[in-house]
Amino acid sequence: MNQDIAQGKWEQIKGSVKEKWGDLTDDDIAQVNGNAQKMCGILQEKYGRRREDAEREVNDFWAEQNRL
């Protein structure tokens, strides 16, 4: 997975991230900073997701955001 979000786009979608994954803190979101790998790691940690499941969730989310 190499789907990093450009900084400008990341600033726009941070609210959508918070809506989708409500347990993420502002610090978690700041850590991600558009990096898909970091997002997967945080989802694994916060939600107990398997790596494959976290990657699928993040890929689906990124794809959805790119369609908007």
Protein backbone atom coordinates (compact mmCIF):
# COMPACT_ATOMS: atom_id res chain seq x y z
CA MET A 1 0.00 0.00 0.00
CA ASN A 2 1.50 3.30 -1.03
CA GLN A 3 -1.52 5.53 -0.93
CA ASP A 4 -0.40 8.54 0.99
CA ILE A 5 -2.69 11.53 0.96
CA ALA A 6 -1.24 14.83 -0.20
CA GLN A 7 -0.96 17.34 2.64
CA GLY A 8 -3.63 19.66 1.26
CA LYS A 9 -6.12 16.85 0.76
CA TRP A 10 -5.35 15.44 4.21
CA GLU A 11 -6.28 18.77 5.80
CA GLN A 12 -9.64 18.56 4.03
CA ILE A 13 -10.50 14.99 5.04
CA LYS A 14 -9.39 14.93 8.68
CA GLY A 15 -13.00 15.52 9.72
CA SER A 16 -14.12 12.51 7.69
CA VAL A 17 -11.48 10.38 9.41
CA LYS A 18 -12.81 11.46 12.80
CA GLU A 19 -16.39 10.65 11.73
CA LYS A 20 -15.47 7.19 10.44
CA TRP A 21 -13.18 6.23 13.31
CA GLY A 22 -14.58 8.13 16.29
CA ASP A 23 -12.19 6.59 18.81
CA LEU A 24 -9.24 8.32 17.18
CA THR A 25 -7.96 11.33 19.05
CA ASP A 26 -6.74 14.54 17.49
CA ASP A 27 -3.22 13.36 18.37
CA ASP A 28 -3.80 10.08 16.51
CA ILE A 29 -4.98 11.97 13.45
CA ALA A 30 -2.02 14.36 13.65
CA GLN A 31 0.34 11.35 13.79
CA VAL A 32 -1.17 9.88 10.64
CA ASN A 33 -0.72 13.12 8.70
CA GLY A 34 -1.93 11.43 5.51
CA ASN A 35 0.31 8.36 5.79
CA ALA A 36 -1.61 5.16 5.01
CA GLN A 37 0.82 2.88 6.87
CA LYS A 38 0.55 4.94 10.04
CA MET A 39 -3.22 4.91 9.71
CA CYS A 40 -3.22 1.12 9.53
CA GLY A 41 -1.03 0.87 12.61
CA ILE A 42 -3.28 3.16 14.61
CA LEU A 43 -6.40 1.26 13.56
CA GLN A 44 -4.75 -1.97 14.66
CA GLU A 45 -3.89 -0.45 18.01
CA LYS A 46 -7.17 1.37 18.73
CA TYR A 47 -9.62 -1.14 17.28
CA GLY A 48 -7.74 -4.41 17.50
CA ARG A 49 -7.90 -4.89 13.73
CA ARG A 50 -5.79 -7.47 11.94
CA ARG A 51 -3.27 -5.86 9.60
CA GLU A 52 -5.13 -7.06 6.51
CA ASP A 53 -8.44 -5.70 7.78
CA ALA A 54 -6.91 -2.33 8.67
CA GLU A 55 -5.30 -2.08 5.22
CA ARG A 56 -8.59 -2.89 3.51
CA GLU A 57 -10.44 -0.28 5.59
CA VAL A 58 -7.86 2.39 4.86
CA ASN A 59 -7.74 1.52 1.14
CA ASP A 60 -11.54 1.71 0.94
CA PHE A 61 -11.57 5.03 2.78
CA TRP A 62 -8.85 6.57 0.59
CA ALA A 63 -10.66 5.39 -2.55
CA GLU A 64 -13.93 6.88 -1.33
CA GLN A 65 -12.24 10.21 -0.58
CA ASN A 66 -10.65 10.28 -4.02
CA ARG A 67 -14.08 9.90 -5.63
CA LEU A 68 -15.43 12.97 -3.80
